N, C-alpha and C. Protein backbone atom coordinates (compact mmCIF):
# COMPACT_ATOMS: atom_id res chain seq x y z
N UNK A 1 -4.40 10.67 5.40
CA UNK A 1 -6.00 10.34 5.11
C UNK A 1 -5.76 9.57 3.80
N UNK A 2 -6.81 8.76 4.34
CA UNK A 2 -6.27 7.05 3.31
C UNK A 2 -7.35 7.07 2.36
N UNK A 3 -7.46 6.36 0.94
CA UNK A 3 -8.29 6.31 0.27
C UNK A 3 -9.14 4.59 0.52
N UNK A 4 -9.77 5.05 0.09
CA UNK A 4 -11.23 4.15 1.25
C UNK A 4 -11.46 3.01 -0.39
N UNK A 5 -12.86 4.18 -1.20
CA UNK A 5 -13.15 3.63 -2.18
C UNK A 5 -13.09 4.99 -2.73
N UNK A 6 -13.13 5.07 -4.82
CA UNK A 6 -13.61 5.62 -5.58
C UNK A 6 -14.44 5.25 -6.48
N UNK A 7 -15.17 5.68 -6.59
CA UNK A 7 -16.27 6.20 -7.43
C UNK A 7 -16.07 7.48 -9.08
N UNK A 8 -14.76 6.26 -10.25
CA UNK A 8 -15.29 7.31 -11.39
C UNK A 8 -16.71 7.58 -12.34
N UNK A 9 -17.69 6.71 -12.08
CA UNK A 9 -19.55 7.70 -12.75
C UNK A 9 -20.02 8.21 -11.08
N UNK A 10 -20.07 7.97 -10.09
CA UNK A 10 -19.76 9.20 -8.77
C UNK A 10 -19.15 10.46 -9.10
N UNK A 11 -18.38 10.38 -9.46
CA UNK A 11 -16.71 11.74 -9.03
C UNK A 11 -16.91 11.14 -7.90
N UNK A 12 -16.55 10.68 -6.69
CA UNK A 12 -15.98 11.01 -5.65
C UNK A 12 -15.47 9.71 -5.15
N UNK A 13 -14.52 10.08 -3.77
CA UNK A 13 -13.84 9.44 -3.38
C UNK A 13 -14.10 9.35 -1.59
N UNK A 14 -14.27 8.68 -0.72
CA UNK A 14 -14.58 8.30 0.78
C UNK A 14 -13.26 7.99 1.31
N UNK A 15 -12.44 8.93 1.96
CA UNK A 15 -11.06 7.83 2.58
C UNK A 15 -11.61 8.76 4.01
N UNK A 16 -11.01 7.28 5.22
CA UNK A 16 -10.72 7.28 6.12
C UNK A 16 -9.17 8.54 6.64
N UNK A 17 -9.46 7.92 7.78
CA UNK A 17 -7.96 9.84 8.80
C UNK A 17 -8.56 8.76 10.19
N UNK A 18 -7.57 7.24 10.35
CA UNK A 18 -8.11 7.22 11.64
C UNK A 18 -9.81 6.57 11.98
N UNK A 19 -10.40 6.74 12.67
CA UNK A 19 -12.01 6.55 12.96
C UNK A 19 -12.71 7.92 11.93
N UNK A 20 -12.57 8.09 11.87
CA UNK A 20 -12.90 9.84 10.97
C UNK A 20 -13.27 9.26 9.04
N UNK A 21 -13.95 9.72 8.80
CA UNK A 21 -14.81 9.16 7.45
C UNK A 21 -14.95 10.93 6.76
N UNK A 22 -14.63 11.38 4.99
CA UNK A 22 -14.45 12.21 4.50
C UNK A 22 -14.89 11.77 3.63
N UNK A 23 -16.11 12.26 2.50
CA UNK A 23 -16.25 12.81 1.59
C UNK A 23 -15.96 13.63 0.48
N UNK A 24 -15.01 13.49 -0.15
CA UNK A 24 -14.45 14.58 -1.11
C UNK A 24 -14.70 14.48 -2.51
N UNK A 25 -15.41 15.34 -3.46
CA UNK A 25 -16.06 15.06 -4.74
C UNK A 25 -15.27 17.03 -4.89
N UNK A 26 -14.83 16.13 -6.62
CA UNK A 26 -14.88 17.54 -7.36
C UNK A 26 -15.78 18.87 -7.29
N UNK A 27 -16.00 20.37 -7.61
CA UNK A 27 -17.06 20.88 -6.93
C UNK A 27 -17.56 21.73 -9.15
N UNK A 28 -16.09 21.32 -10.05
CA UNK A 28 -16.17 22.07 -11.44
C UNK A 28 -16.57 24.37 -10.60
N UNK A 29 -15.99 24.14 -9.37
CA UNK A 29 -15.65 26.11 -9.45
C UNK A 29 -14.79 26.06 -9.33
N UNK A 30 -13.75 27.06 -9.65
CA UNK A 30 -12.14 27.65 -10.23
C UNK A 30 -12.54 28.20 -8.37
N UNK A 31 -12.89 28.35 -7.46
CA UNK A 31 -12.76 29.63 -6.79
C UNK A 31 -13.02 28.81 -5.20
N UNK A 32 -13.75 27.19 -5.66
CA UNK A 32 -13.46 26.33 -4.37
C UNK A 32 -13.76 24.12 -5.77
N UNK A 33 -12.45 24.42 -6.04
CA UNK A 33 -12.61 23.48 -6.48
C UNK A 33 -13.27 21.46 -5.43
N UNK A 34 -12.92 21.60 -4.07
CA UNK A 34 -13.10 20.36 -4.06
C UNK A 34 -13.97 20.69 -2.64
N UNK A 35 -14.37 20.00 -3.09
CA UNK A 35 -14.82 20.01 -1.35
C UNK A 35 -14.85 18.67 -0.42
N UNK A 36 -14.29 18.56 0.19
CA UNK A 36 -13.83 17.29 1.33
C UNK A 36 -15.44 17.79 3.20
N UNK A 37 -16.23 16.81 3.18
CA UNK A 37 -16.95 16.98 4.50
C UNK A 37 -16.30 15.18 4.88
N UNK A 38 -16.58 15.57 6.38
CA UNK A 38 -16.62 13.69 7.00
C UNK A 38 -17.82 13.89 7.93
N UNK A 39 -17.85 12.73 7.00
CA UNK A 39 -19.11 11.72 6.89
C UNK A 39 -19.24 10.78 8.23
N UNK A 40 -20.72 10.34 8.31
CA UNK A 40 -20.80 8.55 9.43
C UNK A 40 -19.87 7.93 9.12
N UNK A 41 -19.58 6.36 10.26
CA UNK A 41 -19.36 5.01 8.39
C UNK A 41 -20.79 4.80 8.71
N UNK A 42 -21.81 4.89 9.54
CA UNK A 42 -22.91 4.14 8.96
C UNK A 42 -23.20 4.41 6.85
N UNK A 43 -23.15 6.48 6.83
CA UNK A 43 -23.43 6.88 5.78
C UNK A 43 -22.09 6.52 4.28
N UNK A 44 -21.11 5.99 5.04
CA UNK A 44 -20.49 5.90 4.14
C UNK A 44 -20.27 4.77 3.55
N UNK A 45 -20.82 3.33 4.50
CA UNK A 45 -21.03 2.16 4.28
C UNK A 45 -22.59 2.24 3.91
N UNK A 46 -23.53 2.40 4.05
CA UNK A 46 -24.61 2.87 3.04
C UNK A 46 -24.93 3.33 2.00
N UNK A 47 -23.76 3.99 1.91
CA UNK A 47 -23.78 4.53 0.07
C UNK A 47 -22.29 2.50 -0.46
N UNK A 48 -22.01 2.47 0.13
CA UNK A 48 -20.76 1.70 -0.61
C UNK A 48 -21.49 0.16 -0.93
N UNK A 49 -22.75 0.57 0.58
CA UNK A 49 -23.68 -1.37 -0.24
C UNK A 49 -24.59 -1.08 -1.55
N UNK A 50 -24.64 -0.26 -2.00
CA UNK A 50 -25.37 0.13 -3.10
C UNK A 50 -27.16 0.54 -2.81
N UNK A 51 -27.28 0.81 -1.10
CA UNK A 51 -28.15 1.96 -0.46
C UNK A 51 -29.19 3.40 -0.76
N UNK A 52 -28.27 3.74 -1.11
CA UNK A 52 -28.14 5.36 -1.51
C UNK A 52 -27.03 5.18 -2.78
N UNK A 53 -27.87 6.85 -3.71
CA UNK A 53 -26.37 6.88 -4.38
C UNK A 53 -25.64 7.70 -4.50
N UNK A 54 -24.17 8.52 -5.15
CA UNK A 54 -23.61 9.56 -5.27
C UNK A 54 -24.53 10.67 -4.62
N UNK A 55 -26.16 11.15 -5.54
CA UNK A 55 -26.39 12.46 -5.11
C UNK A 55 -26.83 12.48 -4.11
N UNK A 56 -27.13 11.07 -3.52
CA UNK A 56 -27.58 11.43 -1.86
C UNK A 56 -26.98 11.69 -1.01
N UNK A 57 -25.69 11.16 -1.41
CA UNK A 57 -24.28 11.12 0.11
C UNK A 57 -23.76 12.75 0.01
N UNK A 58 -23.75 12.93 -1.49
CA UNK A 58 -22.92 14.36 -1.25
C UNK A 58 -24.18 15.39 -0.29
N UNK A 59 -25.12 14.60 -1.13
CA UNK A 59 -26.36 16.27 0.03
C UNK A 59 -26.81 15.85 1.60
N UNK A 60 -26.33 14.27 1.59
CA UNK A 60 -26.37 13.44 3.40
C UNK A 60 -24.98 14.85 3.32
N UNK A 61 -23.90 14.66 3.25
CA UNK A 61 -22.86 14.73 4.00
C UNK A 61 -23.47 16.67 4.21
N UNK A 62 -23.95 17.40 2.95
CA UNK A 62 -23.58 18.87 3.27
C UNK A 62 -25.03 19.17 4.63
N UNK A 63 -26.05 18.46 4.22
CA UNK A 63 -27.67 18.87 5.69
C UNK A 63 -27.26 17.76 6.36
N UNK A 64 -26.78 17.09 6.82
CA UNK A 64 -26.61 15.47 7.56
C UNK A 64 -28.16 14.90 7.96
N UNK A 65 -29.39 15.12 6.41
CA UNK A 65 -30.07 14.00 6.49
C UNK A 65 -29.91 13.31 5.90
N UNK A 66 -30.47 12.12 5.41
CA UNK A 66 -30.82 11.26 4.02
C UNK A 66 -32.12 12.04 3.69
N UNK A 67 -32.25 12.31 1.62
CA UNK A 67 -33.97 12.92 1.46
C UNK A 67 -34.59 11.93 0.90
N UNK A 68 -35.44 11.86 1.34
CA UNK A 68 -36.90 11.21 1.14
C UNK A 68 -36.60 10.86 -0.25
N UNK A 69 -37.09 9.41 -0.15
CA UNK A 69 -37.03 8.82 -1.07
C UNK A 69 -39.07 9.18 -1.87
N UNK A 70 -39.59 9.79 -1.64
CA UNK A 70 -40.45 9.48 -1.03
C UNK A 70 -41.27 11.25 -1.84
N UNK A 71 -41.77 11.11 -2.98
CA UNK A 71 -41.88 12.77 -3.18
C UNK A 71 -43.43 13.19 -3.02
N UNK A 72 -43.86 14.25 -2.44
CA UNK A 72 -44.95 14.34 -1.13
C UNK A 72 -45.66 15.55 -3.15
N UNK A 73 -46.75 15.23 -2.75
CA UNK A 73 -47.62 16.23 -3.26
C UNK A 73 -47.96 17.19 -2.71
N UNK A 74 -48.44 18.50 -3.23
CA UNK A 74 -48.71 19.59 -2.08
C UNK A 74 -49.83 19.31 -1.25
N UNK A 75 -50.71 18.99 -1.40
CA UNK A 75 -51.56 18.70 -0.67
C UNK A 75 -51.03 17.80 0.64
N UNK A 76 -50.64 16.75 -0.03
CA UNK A 76 -49.36 15.65 1.06
C UNK A 76 -48.88 16.89 2.01
N UNK A 77 -48.24 17.29 1.41
CA UNK A 77 -46.77 18.19 1.95
C UNK A 77 -48.08 18.95 3.11
N UNK A 78 -48.80 19.95 2.41
CA UNK A 78 -49.93 20.77 3.14
C UNK A 78 -50.32 19.14 4.80
N UNK A 79 -50.79 18.85 4.44
CA UNK A 79 -52.26 18.11 5.27
C UNK A 79 -50.93 17.26 6.67
N UNK A 80 -49.64 17.16 6.34
CA UNK A 80 -48.18 16.30 6.84
C UNK A 80 -48.10 18.13 8.16
N UNK A 81 -47.42 18.94 7.73
CA UNK A 81 -47.36 20.61 8.90
C UNK A 81 -48.33 20.83 9.01
N UNK A 82 -50.00 20.56 9.09
CA UNK A 82 -51.18 20.58 9.43
C UNK A 82 -51.22 20.11 10.42
N UNK A 83 -50.98 18.52 10.75
CA UNK A 83 -50.52 17.62 11.29
C UNK A 83 -49.66 17.86 12.55
N UNK A 84 -48.67 18.01 11.74
CA UNK A 84 -47.26 18.84 12.93
C UNK A 84 -47.81 20.12 13.84
N UNK A 85 -47.60 21.06 13.14
CA UNK A 85 -48.39 22.76 13.96
C UNK A 85 -50.26 22.58 13.94
N UNK A 86 -51.51 21.35 14.56
CA UNK A 86 -52.47 21.65 13.76
C UNK A 86 -53.27 22.84 14.73
N UNK A 87 -51.79 24.07 14.68
CA UNK A 87 -53.14 25.98 15.62
C UNK A 87 -52.77 26.54 14.34
N UNK A 88 -51.95 26.03 13.35
CA UNK A 88 -52.77 26.68 11.12
C UNK A 88 -54.07 26.40 10.85
N UNK A 89 -54.42 25.39 11.64
CA UNK A 89 -55.82 24.81 10.94
C UNK A 89 -57.11 26.36 11.76
N UNK A 90 -56.25 26.61 12.67
CA UNK A 90 -57.57 28.28 12.73
C UNK A 90 -57.29 29.52 11.77
N UNK A 91 -56.29 29.10 11.80
CA UNK A 91 -56.00 30.45 11.17
C UNK A 91 -56.17 30.53 9.74
N UNK A 92 -56.39 29.56 9.23
CA UNK A 92 -56.84 29.90 7.72
C UNK A 92 -58.20 28.21 7.61
N UNK A 93 -59.53 28.30 8.61
CA UNK A 93 -59.66 26.73 8.20
C UNK A 93 -60.52 25.97 6.61
N UNK A 94 -61.09 27.66 6.21
CA UNK A 94 -61.12 27.24 5.22
C UNK A 94 -60.22 26.25 4.54
N UNK A 95 -59.60 26.13 4.29
CA UNK A 95 -58.09 26.56 3.44
C UNK A 95 -57.28 24.34 3.78
N UNK A 96 -57.58 25.05 5.06
CA UNK A 96 -57.37 23.84 5.85
C UNK A 96 -57.85 22.04 5.74
N UNK A 97 -59.29 23.13 5.89
CA UNK A 97 -60.49 22.27 6.38
C UNK A 97 -60.59 21.22 4.39
N UNK A 98 -59.52 21.82 2.88
CA UNK A 98 -60.49 20.33 2.26
C UNK A 98 -58.99 19.05 2.12
N UNK A 99 -58.69 19.70 3.12
CA UNK A 99 -57.70 18.45 3.03
C UNK A 99 -57.44 17.34 3.27
N UNK A 100 -58.18 17.66 4.57
CA UNK A 100 -58.60 15.82 5.39
C UNK A 100 -60.32 15.66 5.50
N UNK A 101 -60.21 14.56 5.44
CA UNK A 101 -61.35 13.63 5.99
C UNK A 101 -62.50 14.12 6.26
N UNK A 102 -63.65 14.12 6.43
CA UNK A 102 -64.94 14.79 7.61
C UNK A 102 -64.73 13.58 8.65
N UNK A 103 -64.26 12.49 8.75
CA UNK A 103 -63.41 11.87 10.13
C UNK A 103 -62.54 12.55 10.65
N UNK A 104 -61.24 12.23 9.63
CA UNK A 104 -60.62 13.11 10.12
C UNK A 104 -60.37 14.30 10.78
N UNK A 105 -61.50 15.24 10.69
CA UNK A 105 -62.01 16.90 11.28
C UNK A 105 -62.59 16.14 12.66
N UNK A 106 -63.55 15.07 12.45
CA UNK A 106 -64.29 14.62 13.94
C UNK A 106 -64.04 14.82 15.08
N UNK A 107 -64.19 15.28 16.67
CA UNK A 107 -62.93 15.16 17.55
C UNK A 107 -62.49 13.76 18.26
N UNK A 108 -62.08 13.10 18.78
CA UNK A 108 -61.67 11.94 18.89
C UNK A 108 -61.85 12.24 20.53
N UNK A 109 -62.22 10.76 21.01
CA UNK A 109 -62.53 11.26 22.56
C UNK A 109 -60.68 10.90 23.20
N UNK A 110 -60.48 11.41 24.44
CA UNK A 110 -59.63 12.34 24.89
C UNK A 110 -58.79 10.36 24.59
N UNK A 111 -59.29 9.68 25.40
CA UNK A 111 -58.11 8.34 25.30
C UNK A 111 -58.34 7.49 24.52
N UNK A 112 -58.31 7.70 24.12
CA UNK A 112 -59.24 6.54 22.52
C UNK A 112 -57.60 5.75 22.22
N UNK A 113 -56.65 6.22 22.09
CA UNK A 113 -55.17 5.60 22.09
C UNK A 113 -54.00 5.08 23.53
N UNK A 114 -54.52 4.90 24.10
CA UNK A 114 -54.72 4.87 25.47
C UNK A 114 -54.77 2.91 26.09
N UNK A 115 -54.00 2.32 26.00
CA UNK A 115 -54.14 1.36 27.04
C UNK A 115 -54.04 1.04 27.77
N UNK A 116 -55.50 1.29 28.13
CA UNK A 116 -56.24 0.96 29.89
C UNK A 116 -55.77 -0.96 29.77
N UNK A 117 -55.29 -0.97 29.94
CA UNK A 117 -55.90 -2.10 30.33
C UNK A 117 -54.97 -2.70 31.41
N UNK A 118 -53.80 -1.56 31.61
CA UNK A 118 -52.57 -1.81 33.18
C UNK A 118 -53.26 -0.55 33.44
N UNK A 119 -54.42 -0.35 33.30
CA UNK A 119 -54.32 1.72 34.69
C UNK A 119 -54.93 0.77 35.48
N UNK A 120 -54.17 1.86 36.87
CA UNK A 120 -55.15 1.51 38.20
C UNK A 120 -55.72 2.79 38.77
N UNK A 121 -56.85 3.17 39.65
CA UNK A 121 -57.86 3.72 39.65
C UNK A 121 -57.32 4.13 41.71
N UNK A 122 -56.87 5.15 41.76
CA UNK A 122 -56.71 6.33 42.50
C UNK A 122 -57.65 6.60 43.37
N UNK A 123 -58.04 6.77 44.28
CA UNK A 123 -58.41 6.91 45.59
C UNK A 123 -57.82 8.14 46.55
N UNK A 124 -59.14 8.76 45.94
CA UNK A 124 -58.80 10.78 45.82
C UNK A 124 -59.70 10.38 47.93
């Protein structure tokens, strides 16, 4: 394994072994003094280009996704959850109603977002 990048500031190394990339950093823990995790080349490149911080790269190596840079309020988070899981409105409608405007809660026509320009009618 060959070291291709060292950051004193973030206290990490990016290593390459063939076509695989690894992130190595200390944990300051006696039982596990160092962590070595495989990361995709794109993650290593985005860190080295300055797009992400060392902390974000370590989080990516551990969980497999970049932490969102947008911090949501509790209401925004609740609203996003309900939009993804609309059945929860039925379980607690009073709490859900306060998150949405009247317009957002009003029923929408079924075909509102459809592009009907190329629609052909079928004869029955």
